PDB file of N, CA and C in Angstrom:
ATOM      1  N   MET A   1      22.175  74.431  11.350  1.00  0.00           N
ATOM      2  CA  MET A   1      22.802  73.180  10.984  1.00  0.00           C
ATOM      3  C   MET A   1      23.962  72.939  11.928  1.00  0.00           C
ATOM      4  N   GLY A   2      24.122  71.701  12.447  1.00  0.00           N
ATOM      5  CA  GLY A   2      25.052  71.314  13.417  1.00  0.00           C
ATOM      6  C   GLY A   2      25.601  69.908  13.159  1.00  0.00           C
ATOM      7  N   ILE A   3      26.641  69.608  13.932  1.00  0.00           N
ATOM      8  CA  ILE A   3      27.235  68.309  13.778  1.00  0.00           C
ATOM      9  C   ILE A   3      27.548  67.863  15.267  1.00  0.00           C
ATOM     10  N   VAL A   4      27.377  66.607  15.572  1.00  0.00           N
ATOM     11  CA  VAL A   4      27.878  65.922  16.748  1.00  0.00           C
ATOM     12  C   VAL A   4      28.842  64.892  16.271  1.00  0.00           C
ATOM     13  N   THR A   5      29.989  64.790  16.837  1.00  0.00           N
ATOM     14  CA  THR A   5      31.040  63.937  16.269  1.00  0.00           C
ATOM     15  C   THR A   5      31.717  63.203  17.485  1.00  0.00           C
ATOM     16  N   GLY A   6      32.145  62.065  17.265  1.00  0.00           N
ATOM     17  CA  GLY A   6      32.888  61.287  18.269  1.00  0.00           C
ATOM     18  C   GLY A   6      34.389  61.681  18.243  1.00  0.00           C
ATOM     19  N   ASN A   7      34.777  62.677  17.337  1.00  0.00           N
ATOM     20  CA  ASN A   7      36.076  63.208  17.354  1.00  0.00           C
ATOM     21  C   ASN A   7      36.236  64.155  18.429  1.00  0.00           C
ATOM     22  N   PHE A   8      37.444  64.233  19.017  1.00  0.00           N
ATOM     23  CA  PHE A   8      37.740  65.405  19.877  1.00  0.00           C
ATOM     24  C   PHE A   8      38.055  66.685  19.067  1.00  0.00           C
ATOM     25  N   ALA A   9      37.866  67.851  19.654  1.00  0.00           N
ATOM     26  CA  ALA A   9      37.958  69.066  18.884  1.00  0.00           C
ATOM     27  C   ALA A   9      39.228  69.291  18.159  1.00  0.00           C
ATOM     28  N   GLU A  10      40.318  68.771  18.819  1.00  0.00           N
ATOM     29  CA  GLU A  10      41.690  68.934  18.197  1.00  0.00           C
ATOM     30  C   GLU A  10      41.798  68.152  16.870  1.00  0.00           C
ATOM     31  N   GLU A  11      41.068  66.998  16.652  1.00  0.00           N
ATOM     32  CA  GLU A  11      41.105  66.314  15.485  1.00  0.00           C
ATOM     33  C   GLU A  11      39.951  66.687  14.587  1.00  0.00           C
ATOM     34  N   GLY A  12      38.856  67.069  15.111  1.00  0.00           N
ATOM     35  CA  GLY A  12      37.546  67.355  14.381  1.00  0.00           C
ATOM     36  C   GLY A  12      37.648  68.639  13.657  1.00  0.00           C
ATOM     37  N   GLU A  13      38.074  69.741  14.250  1.00  0.00           N
ATOM     38  CA  GLU A  13      38.143  71.011  13.616  1.00  0.00           C
ATOM     39  C   GLU A  13      38.909  71.053  12.351  1.00  0.00           C
ATOM     40  N   PRO A  14      40.169  70.434  12.281  1.00  0.00           N
ATOM     41  CA  PRO A  14      40.856  70.370  11.001  1.00  0.00           C
ATOM     42  C   PRO A  14      40.150  69.561   9.974  1.00  0.00           C
ATOM     43  N   LYS A  15      39.425  68.539  10.335  1.00  0.00           N
ATOM     44  CA  LYS A  15      38.748  67.735   9.345  1.00  0.00           C
ATOM     45  C   LYS A  15      37.544  68.552   8.723  1.00  0.00           C
ATOM     46  N   LEU A  16      36.810  69.149   9.613  1.00  0.00           N
ATOM     47  CA  LEU A  16      35.618  69.981   9.155  1.00  0.00           C
ATOM     48  C   LEU A  16      36.123  71.194   8.271  1.00  0.00           C
ATOM     49  N   ALA A  17      37.122  71.791   8.748  1.00  0.00           N
ATOM     50  CA  ALA A  17      37.640  72.954   7.916  1.00  0.00           C
ATOM     51  C   ALA A  17      38.228  72.380   6.566  1.00  0.00           C
ATOM     52  N   GLY A  18      38.898  71.284   6.615  1.00  0.00           N
ATOM     53  CA  GLY A  18      39.488  70.754   5.444  1.00  0.00           C
ATOM     54  C   GLY A  18      38.502  70.403   4.336  1.00  0.00           C
ATOM     55  N   VAL A  19      37.329  70.028   4.593  1.00  0.00           N
ATOM     56  CA  VAL A  19      36.298  69.672   3.710  1.00  0.00           C
ATOM     57  C   VAL A  19      35.316  70.761   3.447  1.00  0.00           C
ATOM     58  N   GLY A  20      35.643  71.955   4.046  1.00  0.00           N
ATOM     59  CA  GLY A  20      34.779  73.134   3.827  1.00  0.00           C
ATOM     60  C   GLY A  20      33.457  73.215   4.501  1.00  0.00           C
ATOM     61  N   LEU A  21      33.272  72.343   5.576  1.00  0.00           N
ATOM     62  CA  LEU A  21      32.055  72.434   6.328  1.00  0.00           C
ATOM     63  C   LEU A  21      32.019  73.333   7.549  1.00  0.00           C
ATOM     64  N   ARG A  22      33.078  73.558   8.182  1.00  0.00           N
ATOM     65  CA  ARG A  22      33.172  74.225   9.429  1.00  0.00           C
ATOM     66  C   ARG A  22      32.368  75.572   9.402  1.00  0.00           C
ATOM     67  N   ASP A  23      32.528  76.386   8.375  1.00  0.00           N
ATOM     68  CA  ASP A  23      31.957  77.656   8.293  1.00  0.00           C
ATOM     69  C   ASP A  23      30.450  77.592   7.973  1.00  0.00           C
ATOM     70  N   LEU A  24      29.936  76.340   7.607  1.00  0.00           N
ATOM     71  CA  LEU A  24      28.482  76.191   7.357  1.00  0.00           C
ATOM     72  C   LEU A  24      27.676  75.777   8.598  1.00  0.00           C
ATOM     73  N   LEU A  25      28.405  75.482   9.633  1.00  0.00           N
ATOM     74  CA  LEU A  25      27.788  74.880  10.782  1.00  0.00           C
ATOM     75  C   LEU A  25      27.542  75.841  11.944  1.00  0.00           C
ATOM     76  N   ASP A  26      26.318  75.896  12.474  1.00  0.00           N
ATOM     77  CA  ASP A  26      26.041  76.779  13.597  1.00  0.00           C
ATOM     78  C   ASP A  26      26.427  76.115  14.950  1.00  0.00           C
ATOM     79  N   VAL A  27      26.339  74.815  15.052  1.00  0.00           N
ATOM     80  CA  VAL A  27      26.608  74.105  16.264  1.00  0.00           C
ATOM     81  C   VAL A  27      27.565  72.910  15.929  1.00  0.00           C
ATOM     82  N   VAL A  28      28.536  72.887  16.725  1.00  0.00           N
ATOM     83  CA  VAL A  28      29.474  71.642  16.622  1.00  0.00           C
ATOM     84  C   VAL A  28      29.686  71.067  18.040  1.00  0.00           C
ATOM     85  N   VAL A  29      29.341  69.810  18.283  1.00  0.00           N
ATOM     86  CA  VAL A  29      29.650  69.194  19.537  1.00  0.00           C
ATOM     87  C   VAL A  29      30.668  68.114  19.447  1.00  0.00           C
ATOM     88  N   TYR A  30      31.638  68.190  20.086  1.00  0.00           N
ATOM     89  CA  TYR A  30      32.708  67.124  19.983  1.00  0.00           C
ATOM     90  C   TYR A  30      32.696  66.233  21.254  1.00  0.00           C
ATOM     91  N   ALA A  31      33.214  65.044  21.020  1.00  0.00           N
ATOM     92  CA  ALA A  31      33.310  64.119  22.174  1.00  0.00           C
ATOM     93  C   ALA A  31      34.273  64.684  23.234  1.00  0.00           C
ATOM     94  N   ASP A  32      34.211  64.148  24.346  1.00  0.00           N
ATOM     95  CA  ASP A  32      35.160  64.533  25.402  1.00  0.00           C
ATOM     96  C   ASP A  32      35.279  63.322  26.304  1.00  0.00           C
ATOM     97  N   LEU A  33      36.226  63.386  27.191  1.00  0.00           N
ATOM     98  CA  LEU A  33      36.433  62.262  28.044  1.00  0.00           C
ATOM     99  C   LEU A  33      35.330  62.052  29.122  1.00  0.00           C
ATOM    100  N   ALA A  34      34.594  63.086  29.388  1.00  0.00           N
ATOM    101  CA  ALA A  34      33.527  62.974  30.429  1.00  0.00           C
ATOM    102  C   ALA A  34      32.187  62.412  29.895  1.00  0.00           C
ATOM    103  N   THR A  35      32.037  62.435  28.605  1.00  0.00           N
ATOM    104  CA  THR A  35      30.672  62.007  28.047  1.00  0.00           C
ATOM    105  C   THR A  35      30.884  60.814  27.263  1.00  0.00           C
ATOM    106  N   HIS A  36      30.244  59.681  27.663  1.00  0.00           N
ATOM    107  CA  HIS A  36      30.386  58.380  27.075  1.00  0.00           C
ATOM    108  C   HIS A  36      29.237  58.069  26.135  1.00  0.00           C
ATOM    109  N   ALA A  37      28.014  58.573  26.521  1.00  0.00           N
ATOM    110  CA  ALA A  37      26.806  58.217  25.800  1.00  0.00           C
ATOM    111  C   ALA A  37      26.557  59.254  24.563  1.00  0.00           C
ATOM    112  N   ARG A  38      26.331  58.753  23.464  1.00  0.00           N
ATOM    113  CA  ARG A  38      26.042  59.548  22.322  1.00  0.00           C
ATOM    114  C   ARG A  38      24.720  60.372  22.476  1.00  0.00           C
ATOM    115  N   ASP A  39      23.816  59.701  23.200  1.00  0.00           N
ATOM    116  CA  ASP A  39      22.609  60.488  23.576  1.00  0.00           C
ATOM    117  C   ASP A  39      22.847  61.768  24.178  1.00  0.00           C
ATOM    118  N   ALA A  40      23.807  61.759  25.173  1.00  0.00           N
ATOM    119  CA  ALA A  40      24.188  62.993  25.857  1.00  0.00           C
ATOM    120  C   ALA A  40      24.713  64.058  24.984  1.00  0.00           C
ATOM    121  N   LEU A  41      25.607  63.563  23.941  1.00  0.00           N
ATOM    122  CA  LEU A  41      26.062  64.522  22.929  1.00  0.00           C
ATOM    123  C   LEU A  41      24.979  65.175  22.135  1.00  0.00           C
ATOM    124  N   LEU A  42      24.015  64.323  21.747  1.00  0.00           N
ATOM    125  CA  LEU A  42      22.839  64.797  20.943  1.00  0.00           C
ATOM    126  C   LEU A  42      22.033  65.825  21.803  1.00  0.00           C
ATOM    127  N   ARG A  43      21.865  65.526  23.122  1.00  0.00           N
ATOM    128  CA  ARG A  43      21.105  66.548  23.971  1.00  0.00           C
ATOM    129  C   ARG A  43      21.904  67.785  24.093  1.00  0.00           C
ATOM    130  N   ARG A  44      23.236  67.725  24.143  1.00  0.00           N
ATOM    131  CA  ARG A  44      24.123  68.902  24.226  1.00  0.00           C
ATOM    132  C   ARG A  44      23.884  69.771  22.962  1.00  0.00           C
ATOM    133  N   ALA A  45      23.804  69.026  21.760  1.00  0.00           N
ATOM    134  CA  ALA A  45      23.723  69.732  20.530  1.00  0.00           C
ATOM    135  C   ALA A  45      22.372  70.427  20.463  1.00  0.00           C
ATOM    136  N   LEU A  46      21.355  69.746  20.853  1.00  0.00           N
ATOM    137  CA  LEU A  46      20.014  70.339  20.841  1.00  0.00           C
ATOM    138  C   LEU A  46      19.937  71.576  21.748  1.00  0.00           C
ATOM    139  N   ALA A  47      20.497  71.449  22.906  1.00  0.00           N
ATOM    140  CA  ALA A  47      20.601  72.699  23.827  1.00  0.00           C
ATOM    141  C   ALA A  47      21.320  73.876  23.202  1.00  0.00           C
ATOM    142  N   ALA A  48      22.441  73.577  22.499  1.00  0.00           N
ATOM    143  CA  ALA A  48      23.198  74.555  21.842  1.00  0.00           C
ATOM    144  C   ALA A  48      22.448  75.215  20.644  1.00  0.00           C
ATOM    145  N   ALA A  49      21.641  74.369  19.887  1.00  0.00           N
ATOM    146  CA  ALA A  49      20.827  74.887  18.851  1.00  0.00           C
ATOM    147  C   ALA A  49      19.666  75.712  19.318  1.00  0.00           C
ATOM    148  N   ARG A  50      19.087  75.294  20.450  1.00  0.00           N
ATOM    149  CA  ARG A  50      18.046  76.096  21.092  1.00  0.00           C
ATOM    150  C   ARG A  50      18.586  77.525  21.586  1.00  0.00           C
ATOM    151  N   ALA A  51      19.742  77.502  22.083  1.00  0.00           N
ATOM    152  CA  ALA A  51      20.403  78.740  22.486  1.00  0.00           C
ATOM    153  C   ALA A  51      20.617  79.700  21.338  1.00  0.00           C
ATOM    154  N   ARG A  52      20.655  79.133  20.181  1.00  0.00           N
ATOM    155  CA  ARG A  52      20.789  79.923  18.912  1.00  0.00           C
ATOM    156  C   ARG A  52      19.441  80.332  18.276  1.00  0.00           C
ATOM    157  N   GLY A  53      18.449  79.800  18.875  1.00  0.00           N
ATOM    158  CA  GLY A  53      17.064  80.175  18.371  1.00  0.00           C
ATOM    159  C   GLY A  53      16.260  79.046  17.730  1.00  0.00           C
ATOM    160  N   PHE A  54      16.743  77.880  17.668  1.00  0.00           N
ATOM    161  CA  PHE A  54      16.066  76.746  17.192  1.00  0.00           C
ATOM    162  C   PHE A  54      14.892  76.440  18.084  1.00  0.00           C
ATOM    163  N   ARG A  55      13.723  76.315  17.526  1.00  0.00           N
ATOM    164  CA  ARG A  55      12.516  76.209  18.431  1.00  0.00           C
ATOM    165  C   ARG A  55      12.038  74.699  18.398  1.00  0.00           C
ATOM    166  N   GLY A  56      12.717  73.835  17.601  1.00  0.00           N
ATOM    167  CA  GLY A  56      12.264  72.450  17.508  1.00  0.00           C
ATOM    168  C   GLY A  56      12.731  71.597  18.598  1.00  0.00           C
ATOM    169  N   ASP A  57      12.496  70.261  18.454  1.00  0.00           N
ATOM    170  CA  ASP A  57      12.886  69.330  19.390  1.00  0.00           C
ATOM    171  C   ASP A  57      13.548  68.115  18.622  1.00  0.00           C
ATOM    172  N   PHE A  58      13.663  67.014  19.243  1.00  0.00           N
ATOM    173  CA  PHE A  58      14.340  65.911  18.521  1.00  0.00           C
ATOM    174  C   PHE A  58      13.493  65.382  17.338  1.00  0.00           C
ATOM    175  N   ALA A  59      12.218  65.642  17.414  1.00  0.00           N
ATOM    176  CA  ALA A  59      11.272  65.189  16.324  1.00  0.00           C
ATOM    177  C   ALA A  59      11.533  66.131  15.095  1.00  0.00           C
ATOM    178  N   ASP A  60      12.254  67.185  15.235  1.00  0.00           N
ATOM    179  CA  ASP A  60      12.536  68.084  14.177  1.00  0.00           C
ATOM    180  C   ASP A  60      14.091  67.977  13.779  1.00  0.00           C
ATOM    181  N   THR A  61      14.708  66.969  14.243  1.00  0.00           N
ATOM    182  CA  THR A  61      16.203  66.741  14.207  1.00  0.00           C
ATOM    183  C   THR A  61      16.489  65.570  13.286  1.00  0.00           C
ATOM    184  N   VAL A  62      17.511  65.663  12.453  1.00  0.00           N
ATOM    185  CA  VAL A  62      18.024  64.470  11.656  1.00  0.00           C
ATOM    186  C   VAL A  62      19.400  64.189  12.146  1.00  0.00           C
ATOM    187  N   VAL A  63      19.551  62.832  12.414  1.00  0.00           N
ATOM    188  CA  VAL A  63      20.929  62.405  12.909  1.00  0.00           C
ATOM    189  C   VAL A  63      21.449  61.646  11.719  1.00  0.00           C
ATOM    190  N   VAL A  64      22.555  62.021  11.109  1.00  0.00           N
ATOM    191  CA  VAL A  64      23.336  61.305  10.084  1.00  0.00           C
ATOM    192  C   VAL A  64      24.484  60.671  10.672  1.00  0.00           C
ATOM    193  N   GLY A  65      24.591  59.326  10.658  1.00  0.00           N
ATOM    194  CA  GLY A  65      25.713  58.677  11.263  1.00  0.00           C
ATOM    195  C   GLY A  65      26.205  57.448  10.453  1.00  0.00           C
ATOM    196  N   ASP A  66      27.391  57.035  10.811  1.00  0.00           N
ATOM    197  CA  ASP A  66      27.939  55.870  10.135  1.00  0.00           C
ATOM    198  C   ASP A  66      28.100  54.575  11.081  1.00  0.00           C
ATOM    199  N   SER A  67      27.455  54.626  12.222  1.00  0.00           N
ATOM    200  CA  SER A  67      27.499  53.572  13.088  1.00  0.00           C
ATOM    201  C   SER A  67      26.144  53.163  13.659  1.00  0.00           C
ATOM    202  N   VAL A  68      26.091  51.948  14.138  1.00  0.00           N
ATOM    203  CA  VAL A  68      24.831  51.422  14.801  1.00  0.00           C
ATOM    204  C   VAL A  68      24.552  52.358  16.008  1.00  0.00           C
ATOM    205  N   HIS A  69      25.667  52.730  16.617  1.00  0.00           N
ATOM    206  CA  HIS A  69      25.391  53.642  17.865  1.00  0.00           C
ATOM    207  C   HIS A  69      24.686  54.900  17.493  1.00  0.00           C
ATOM    208  N   ASP A  70      25.124  55.513  16.382  1.00  0.00           N
ATOM    209  CA  ASP A  70      24.496  56.768  15.990  1.00  0.00           C
ATOM    210  C   ASP A  70      22.923  56.592  15.627  1.00  0.00           C
ATOM    211  N   ILE A  71      22.693  55.406  15.001  1.00  0.00           N
ATOM    212  CA  ILE A  71      21.240  55.247  14.617  1.00  0.00           C
ATOM    213  C   ILE A  71      20.464  54.939  15.934  1.00  0.00           C
ATOM    214  N   ARG A  72      21.068  54.161  16.804  1.00  0.00           N
ATOM    215  CA  ARG A  72      20.315  53.838  18.070  1.00  0.00           C
ATOM    216  C   ARG A  72      20.081  55.091  18.952  1.00  0.00           C
ATOM    217  N   SER A  73      21.025  55.996  18.951  1.00  0.00           N
ATOM    218  CA  SER A  73      20.921  57.244  19.637  1.00  0.00           C
ATOM    219  C   SER A  73      19.808  58.040  19.102  1.00  0.00           C
ATOM    220  N   ALA A  74      19.792  58.126  17.697  1.00  0.00           N
ATOM    221  CA  ALA A  74      18.705  58.892  17.016  1.00  0.00           C
ATOM    222  C   ALA A  74      17.344  58.332  17.481  1.00  0.00           C
ATOM    223  N   ARG A  75      17.173  57.052  17.429  1.00  0.00           N
ATOM    224  CA  ARG A  75      16.013  56.272  17.718  1.00  0.00           C
ATOM    225  C   ARG A  75      15.593  56.685  19.288  1.00  0.00           C
ATOM    226  N   ARG A  76      16.588  56.586  20.134  1.00  0.00           N
ATOM    227  CA  ARG A  76      16.208  56.748  21.601  1.00  0.00           C
ATOM    228  C   ARG A  76      15.764  58.313  21.836  1.00  0.00           C
ATOM    229  N   THR A  77      16.331  59.207  21.134  1.00  0.00           N
ATOM    230  CA  THR A  77      15.979  60.530  21.332  1.00  0.00           C
ATOM    231  C   THR A  77      14.700  61.014  20.508  1.00  0.00           C
ATOM    232  N   GLY A  78      14.294  60.141  19.475  1.00  0.00           N
ATOM    233  CA  GLY A  78      13.143  60.507  18.692  1.00  0.00           C
ATOM    234  C   GLY A  78      13.561  61.246  17.400  1.00  0.00           C
ATOM    235  N   ALA A  79      14.855  61.352  17.105  1.00  0.00           N
ATOM    236  CA  ALA A  79      15.235  62.032  15.927  1.00  0.00           C
ATOM    237  C   ALA A  79      15.095  61.057  14.706  1.00  0.00           C
ATOM    238  N   LEU A  80      15.097  61.675  13.483  1.00  0.00           N
ATOM    239  CA  LEU A  80      15.148  60.963  12.256  1.00  0.00           C
ATOM    240  C   LEU A  80      16.523  60.321  12.138  1.00  0.00           C
ATOM    241  N   ALA A  81      16.602  59.156  11.720  1.00  0.00           N
ATOM    242  CA  ALA A  81      18.016  58.466  11.575  1.00  0.00           C
ATOM    243  C   ALA A  81      18.372  58.115  10.133  1.00  0.00           C
ATOM    244  N   ILE A  82      19.535  58.764   9.682  1.00  0.00           N
ATOM    245  CA  ILE A  82      20.044  58.395   8.349  1.00  0.00           C
ATOM    246  C   ILE A  82      21.440  57.797   8.548  1.00  0.00           C
ATOM    247  N   ALA A  83      21.532  56.603   8.021  1.00  0.00           N
ATOM    248  CA  ALA A  83      22.736  55.849   8.103  1.00  0.00           C
ATOM    249  C   ALA A  83      23.585  56.032   6.775  1.00  0.00           C
ATOM    250  N   VAL A  84      24.890  56.380   6.959  1.00  0.00           N
ATOM    251  CA  VAL A  84      25.853  56.359   5.733  1.00  0.00           C
ATOM    252  C   VAL A  84      26.768  55.340   5.859  1.00  0.00           C
ATOM    253  N   GLY A  85      27.133  54.741   4.804  1.00  0.00           N
ATOM    254  CA  GLY A  85      28.124  53.597   4.842  1.00  0.00           C
ATOM    255  C   GLY A  85      29.503  54.055   4.743  1.00  0.00           C
ATOM    256  N   THR A  86      29.979  55.100   5.383  1.00  0.00           N
ATOM    257  CA  THR A  86      31.315  55.668   5.206  1.00  0.00           C
ATOM    258  C   THR A  86      32.206  55.184   6.316  1.00  0.00           C
ATOM    259  N   GLY A  87      31.741  54.582   7.323  1.00  0.00           N
ATOM    260  CA  GLY A  87      32.515  54.174   8.544  1.00  0.00           C
ATOM    261  C   GLY A  87      33.004  52.748   8.407  1.00  0.00           C
ATOM    262  N   LEU A  88      33.287  52.220   9.572  1.00  0.00           N
ATOM    263  CA  LEU A  88      33.718  50.844   9.601  1.00  0.00           C
ATOM    264  C   LEU A  88      32.595  49.792   9.920  1.00  0.00           C
ATOM    265  N   THR A  89      31.401  50.237  10.103  1.00  0.00           N
ATOM    266  CA  THR A  89      30.275  49.407  10.376  1.00  0.00           C
ATOM    267  C   THR A  89      29.810  48.776   9.078  1.00  0.00           C
ATOM    268  N   PRO A  90      29.725  47.439   8.977  1.00  0.00           N
ATOM    269  CA  PRO A  90      29.247  46.770   7.724  1.00  0.00           C
ATOM    270  C   PRO A  90      27.855  47.222   7.387  1.00  0.00           C
ATOM    271  N   PRO A  91      27.514  47.250   6.099  1.00  0.00           N
ATOM    272  CA  PRO A  91      26.172  47.716   5.705  1.00  0.00           C
ATOM    273  C   PRO A  91      25.037  46.867   6.310  1.00  0.00           C
ATOM    274  N   ASP A  92      25.236  45.571   6.469  1.00  0.00           N
ATOM    275  CA  ASP A  92      24.109  44.733   7.024  1.00  0.00           C
ATOM    276  C   ASP A  92      23.876  45.058   8.504  1.00  0.00           C
ATOM    277  N   LEU A  93      24.878  45.441   9.234  1.00  0.00           N
ATOM    278  CA  LEU A  93      24.602  45.948  10.572  1.00  0.00           C
ATOM    279  C   LEU A  93      23.866  47.316  10.596  1.00  0.00           C
ATOM    280  N   LEU A  94      24.171  48.168   9.649  1.00  0.00           N
ATOM    281  CA  LEU A  94      23.458  49.465   9.605  1.00  0.00           C
ATOM    282  C   LEU A  94      22.006  49.119   9.282  1.00  0.00           C
ATOM    283  N   VAL A  95      21.821  48.262   8.297  1.00  0.00           N
ATOM    284  CA  VAL A  95      20.401  47.931   7.906  1.00  0.00           C
ATOM    285  C   VAL A  95      19.637  47.365   9.155  1.00  0.00           C
ATOM    286  N   GLY A  96      20.338  46.503   9.878  1.00  0.00           N
ATOM    287  CA  GLY A  96      19.777  45.911  11.127  1.00  0.00           C
ATOM    288  C   GLY A  96      19.394  46.953  12.212  1.00  0.00           C
ATOM    289  N   ALA A  97      20.035  48.053  12.223  1.00  0.00           N
ATOM    290  CA  ALA A  97      19.793  49.130  13.122  1.00  0.00           C
ATOM    291  C   ALA A  97      18.407  49.825  12.747  1.00  0.00           C
ATOM    292  N   ARG A  98      17.898  49.627  11.591  1.00  0.00           N
ATOM    293  CA  ARG A  98      16.700  50.184  11.053  1.00  0.00           C
ATOM    294  C   ARG A  98      16.636  51.676  10.974  1.00  0.00           C
ATOM    295  N   PRO A  99      17.650  52.169  10.203  1.00  0.00           N
ATOM    296  CA  PRO A  99      17.590  53.708   9.962  1.00  0.00           C
ATOM    297  C   PRO A  99      16.403  54.093   9.121  1.00  0.00           C
ATOM    298  N   ASP A 100      16.036  55.366   9.179  1.00  0.00           N
ATOM    299  CA  ASP A 100      14.948  55.865   8.346  1.00  0.00           C
ATOM    300  C   ASP A 100      15.409  55.838   6.843  1.00  0.00           C
ATOM    301  N   LEU A 101      16.685  56.025   6.568  1.00  0.00           N
ATOM    302  CA  LEU A 101      17.306  56.078   5.281  1.00  0.00           C
ATOM    303  C   LEU A 101      18.680  55.536   5.479  1.00  0.00           C
ATOM    304  N   LEU A 102      19.082  54.799   4.413  1.00  0.00           N
ATOM    305  CA  LEU A 102      20.491  54.297   4.315  1.00  0.00           C
ATOM    306  C   LEU A 102      21.026  54.705   2.965  1.00  0.00           C
ATOM    307  N   VAL A 103      22.209  55.366   2.969  1.00  0.00           N
ATOM    308  CA  VAL A 103      22.821  55.779   1.813  1.00  0.00           C
ATOM    309  C   VAL A 103      24.292  55.317   1.786  1.00  0.00           C
ATOM    310  N   HIS A 104      24.909  55.152   0.634  1.00  0.00           N
ATOM    311  CA  HIS A 104      26.265  54.654   0.546  1.00  0.00           C
ATOM    312  C   HIS A 104      27.295  55.616   1.137  1.00  0.00           C
ATOM    313  N   ASP A 105      27.100  56.926   0.866  1.00  0.00           N
ATOM    314  CA  ASP A 105      28.131  57.860   1.402  1.00  0.00           C
ATOM    315  C   ASP A 105      27.377  59.279   1.369  1.00  0.00           C
ATOM    316  N   LEU A 106      28.158  60.273   1.830  1.00  0.00           N
ATOM    317  CA  LEU A 106      27.555  61.638   1.905  1.00  0.00           C
ATOM    318  C   LEU A 106      27.166  62.203   0.581  1.00  0.00           C
ATOM    319  N   PRO A 107      27.966  62.025  -0.506  1.00  0.00           N
ATOM    320  CA  PRO A 107      27.535  62.454  -1.851  1.00  0.00           C
ATOM    321  C   PRO A 107      26.184  61.895  -2.283  1.00  0.00           C
ATOM    322  N   CYS A 108      25.962  60.531  -1.951  1.00  0.00           N
ATOM    323  CA  CYS A 108      24.725  59.944  -2.290  1.00  0.00           C
ATOM    324  C   CYS A 108      23.521  60.582  -1.458  1.00  0.00           C
ATOM    325  N   LEU A 109      23.771  60.983  -0.124  1.00  0.00           N
ATOM    326  CA  LEU A 109      22.840  61.597   0.623  1.00  0.00           C
ATOM    327  C   LEU A 109      22.429  62.987   0.052  1.00  0.00           C
ATOM    328  N   LEU A 110      23.392  63.712  -0.316  1.00  0.00           N
ATOM    329  CA  LEU A 110      23.208  65.010  -1.022  1.00  0.00           C
ATOM    330  C   LEU A 110      22.380  64.849  -2.231  1.00  0.00           C
ATOM    331  N   ALA A 111      22.756  63.788  -3.088  1.00  0.00           N
ATOM    332  CA  ALA A 111      21.996  63.596  -4.262  1.00  0.00           C
ATOM    333  C   ALA A 111      20.502  63.236  -4.048  1.00  0.00           C
ATOM    334  N   THR A 112      20.293  62.407  -3.005  1.00  0.00           N
ATOM    335  CA  THR A 112      18.980  62.049  -2.641  1.00  0.00           C
ATOM    336  C   THR A 112      18.166  63.245  -2.175  1.00  0.00           C
ATOM    337  N   LEU A 113      18.762  64.062  -1.394  1.00  0.00           N
ATOM    338  CA  LEU A 113      18.091  65.307  -0.882  1.00  0.00           C
ATOM    339  C   LEU A 113      17.723  66.189  -2.131  1.00  0.00           C
ATOM    340  N   ARG A 114      18.709  66.342  -2.932  1.00  0.00           N
ATOM    341  CA  ARG A 114      18.486  67.213  -4.225  1.00  0.00           C
ATOM    342  C   ARG A 114      17.307  66.659  -5.017  1.00  0.00           C
ATOM    343  N   GLN A 115      17.410  65.234  -5.210  1.00  0.00           N
ATOM    344  CA  GLN A 115      16.404  64.615  -6.032  1.00  0.00           C
ATOM    345  C   GLN A 115      14.973  64.804  -5.421  1.00  0.00           C
ATOM    346  N   ASP A 116      14.868  64.810  -4.044  1.00  0.00           N
ATOM    347  CA  ASP A 116      13.662  65.059  -3.350  1.00  0.00           C
ATOM    348  C   ASP A 116      13.305  66.515  -3.305  1.00  0.00           C
ATOM    349  N   GLY A 117      14.099  67.415  -3.842  1.00  0.00           N
ATOM    350  CA  GLY A 117      13.769  68.862  -3.861  1.00  0.00           C
ATOM    351  C   GLY A 117      14.186  69.638  -2.627  1.00  0.00           C
ATOM    352  N   VAL A 118      15.022  69.004  -1.807  1.00  0.00           N
ATOM    353  CA  VAL A 118      15.623  69.754  -0.766  1.00  0.00           C
ATOM    354  C   VAL A 118      16.685  70.582  -1.118  1.00  0.00           C
ATOM    355  N   ARG A 119      16.698  71.914  -0.551  1.00  0.00           N
ATOM    356  CA  ARG A 119      17.738  72.831  -0.913  1.00  0.00           C
ATOM    357  C   ARG A 119      18.610  73.190   0.417  1.00  0.00           C
ATOM    358  N   TRP A 120      19.837  73.244   0.235  1.00  0.00           N
ATOM    359  CA  TRP A 120      20.682  73.639   1.323  1.00  0.00           C
ATOM    360  C   TRP A 120      20.589  75.162   1.450  1.00  0.00           C
ATOM    361  N   VAL A 121      20.190  75.613   2.643  1.00  0.00           N
ATOM    362  CA  VAL A 121      20.075  77.053   2.887  1.00  0.00           C
ATOM    363  C   VAL A 121      20.796  77.310   4.260  1.00  0.00           C
ATOM    364  N   PRO A 122      22.024  77.754   4.267  1.00  0.00           N
ATOM    365  CA  PRO A 122      22.674  78.082   5.572  1.00  0.00           C
ATOM    366  C   PRO A 122      21.845  79.032   6.338  1.00  0.00           C
ATOM    367  N   SER A 123      21.842  78.772   7.687  1.00  0.00           N
ATOM    368  CA  SER A 123      21.076  79.645   8.545  1.00  0.00           C
ATOM    369  C   SER A 123      21.834  80.957   8.776  1.00  0.00           C
ATOM    370  N   ALA A 124      21.125  81.963   9.094  1.00  0.00           N
ATOM    371  CA  ALA A 124      21.648  83.261   9.405  1.00  0.00           C
ATOM    372  C   ALA A 124      22.427  83.183  10.648  1.00  0.00           C
ATOM    373  N   ARG A 125      23.642  83.779  10.643  1.00  0.00           N
ATOM    374  CA  ARG A 125      24.477  83.817  11.860  1.00  0.00           C
ATOM    375  C   ARG A 125      24.567  85.298  12.185  1.00  0.00           C
ATOM    376  N   PRO A 126      24.582  85.598  13.477  1.00  0.00           N
ATOM    377  CA  PRO A 126      24.957  86.950  14.007  1.00  0.00           C
ATOM    378  C   PRO A 126      26.364  87.277  13.712  1.00  0.00           C
ATOM    379  N   ASP A 127      26.748  88.422  13.386  1.00  0.00           N
ATOM    380  CA  ASP A 127      28.120  88.914  13.147  1.00  0.00           C
ATOM    381  C   ASP A 127      28.905  89.073  14.463  1.00  0.00           C
TER     382      ASP A 127
END
């Protein structure tokens, strides 16, 4: 399980730790001043996941984002695109980006996954 975020590490780490997600993530890719395209961040995350043993490709990847840019990047790389209405992007623009799934917020996404029988199973991490 991993995350790609437009946050820089200095602001992202406290946010992830504050909501209890950081310890659940195998891969975290933060924005930096040298990388402007979200696609490049997604590719960096896939490379990091492969280094940890992930054998899949973008077709086996889900991108959850709150902007049109996130959805477009998922589409360009071939990943599944889930839009969440938690950011500044108006819902009609998210719909226009044609995500595979659109949910109001992350709790709605979790409820949808649970309703469909998906279980959260953290991956094994080496000590």
